[in-house]
Amino acid sequence: TTEIYTLSLHDALPISWALSMILIKVKPISSATGILSLAPGGMDQLGIIAAEIHADLSVVAGYQLFRLFFIFFVVPIALKAFIRFLRARKEAERMGSRRLG
């Protein structure tokens, strides 16, 4: 059987909050900027919120844009490589069981 795990918003919020706290400690930015920069959600909504609460809009938009590009360009390549790895492992297991049987 194959078990599939999905990352839901329930999981993503604590992860983004923890990463935001690390970002705030490492970079000289406000907590609002750090939290909005790494928060899951729409780039436009987070930009509007950043402007309203006087967070650094350029930092928030930059991190959100990086996230978008990462999802579009890096994730598909990584998924293809991961699927190839799983197929190769499954094929190796199948070939190994044929030799033993």
Protein backbone atom coordinates (compact mmCIF):
# COMPACT_ATOMS: atom_id res chain seq x y z
CA THR A 1 0.00 0.00 0.00
CA THR A 2 1.06 3.55 -0.63
CA GLU A 3 0.60 6.13 2.08
CA ILE A 4 0.09 9.69 0.94
CA TYR A 5 0.73 12.59 3.29
CA THR A 6 -0.49 16.05 2.42
CA LEU A 7 0.62 19.25 4.08
CA SER A 8 -2.52 21.05 5.14
CA LEU A 9 -2.95 24.59 6.38
CA HIS A 10 -3.18 23.11 9.88
CA ASP A 11 0.40 21.84 9.44
CA ALA A 12 1.73 24.79 7.46
CA LEU A 13 0.82 27.50 9.97
CA PRO A 14 3.01 26.28 12.86
CA ILE A 15 5.86 25.58 10.45
CA SER A 16 5.66 29.07 8.91
CA TRP A 17 5.37 30.65 12.35
CA ALA A 18 8.48 28.81 13.58
CA LEU A 19 10.43 29.79 10.47
CA SER A 20 9.24 33.37 10.90
CA MET A 21 10.61 33.45 14.44
CA ILE A 22 13.97 32.22 13.15
CA LEU A 23 13.92 34.85 10.38
CA ILE A 24 13.15 37.60 12.91
CA LYS A 25 16.10 36.52 15.06
CA VAL A 26 18.50 36.30 12.10
CA LYS A 27 17.49 39.41 10.14
CA PRO A 28 16.78 42.91 11.46
CA ILE A 29 13.08 42.95 10.50
CA SER A 30 9.90 43.48 12.46
CA SER A 31 7.83 40.55 13.65
CA ALA A 32 4.96 41.59 11.36
CA THR A 33 7.29 41.57 8.35
CA GLY A 34 8.75 38.19 9.31
CA ILE A 35 5.39 36.54 9.88
CA LEU A 36 3.81 37.90 6.70
CA SER A 37 6.91 37.05 4.66
CA LEU A 38 6.65 33.34 5.40
CA ALA A 39 2.91 32.99 5.89
CA PRO A 40 1.03 30.65 3.55
CA GLY A 41 -1.53 32.47 1.49
CA GLY A 42 -2.02 34.72 -1.48
CA MET A 43 0.72 37.15 -2.27
CA ASP A 44 -1.79 39.92 -2.96
CA GLN A 45 -3.63 39.51 0.36
CA LEU A 46 -0.41 39.38 2.34
CA GLY A 47 0.84 42.48 0.52
CA ILE A 48 -2.36 44.36 1.39
CA ILE A 49 -2.07 43.31 5.03
CA ALA A 50 1.61 44.34 5.09
CA ALA A 51 0.74 47.78 3.71
CA GLU A 52 -2.08 48.23 6.24
CA ILE A 53 -0.01 47.32 9.30
CA HIS A 54 3.09 49.18 8.03
CA ALA A 55 5.26 46.07 7.61
CA ASP A 56 8.08 46.19 5.07
CA LEU A 57 6.12 45.54 1.88
CA SER A 58 9.19 44.96 -0.28
CA VAL A 59 10.47 42.20 2.02
CA VAL A 60 7.05 40.53 2.25
CA ALA A 61 6.56 40.67 -1.52
CA GLY A 62 10.09 39.42 -2.15
CA TYR A 63 9.71 36.35 0.05
CA GLN A 64 6.26 35.61 -1.35
CA LEU A 65 7.54 35.96 -4.92
CA PHE A 66 10.45 33.63 -4.15
CA ARG A 67 7.95 31.09 -2.75
CA LEU A 68 5.90 31.32 -5.93
CA PHE A 69 8.91 30.85 -8.20
CA PHE A 70 10.15 27.96 -6.04
CA ILE A 71 6.79 26.20 -6.37
CA PHE A 72 6.65 26.73 -10.14
CA PHE A 73 10.25 25.90 -11.04
CA VAL A 74 11.90 23.77 -8.34
CA VAL A 75 9.05 21.59 -7.05
CA PRO A 76 8.17 19.99 -10.44
CA ILE A 77 11.83 19.05 -11.05
CA ALA A 78 12.16 17.65 -7.53
CA LEU A 79 8.93 15.67 -7.89
CA LYS A 80 10.06 14.16 -11.20
CA ALA A 81 13.36 13.08 -9.63
CA PHE A 82 11.55 11.64 -6.60
CA ILE A 83 9.11 9.70 -8.78
CA ARG A 84 11.99 8.32 -10.87
CA PHE A 85 13.71 7.24 -7.65
CA LEU A 86 10.58 5.48 -6.41
CA ARG A 87 10.06 3.72 -9.74
CA ALA A 88 13.69 2.59 -9.83
CA ARG A 89 13.46 1.29 -6.26
CA LYS A 90 10.24 -0.55 -7.04
CA GLU A 91 11.80 -2.06 -10.16
CA ALA A 92 14.88 -3.13 -8.18
CA GLU A 93 12.66 -4.76 -5.55
CA ARG A 94 10.68 -6.52 -8.26
CA MET A 95 13.86 -7.79 -9.94
CA GLY A 96 15.29 -8.90 -6.59
CA SER A 97 12.17 -10.90 -5.75
CA ARG A 98 12.33 -12.63 -9.16
CA ARG A 99 15.89 -13.80 -8.49
CA LEU A 100 14.96 -15.18 -5.09
CA GLY A 101 11.73 -16.81 -6.27
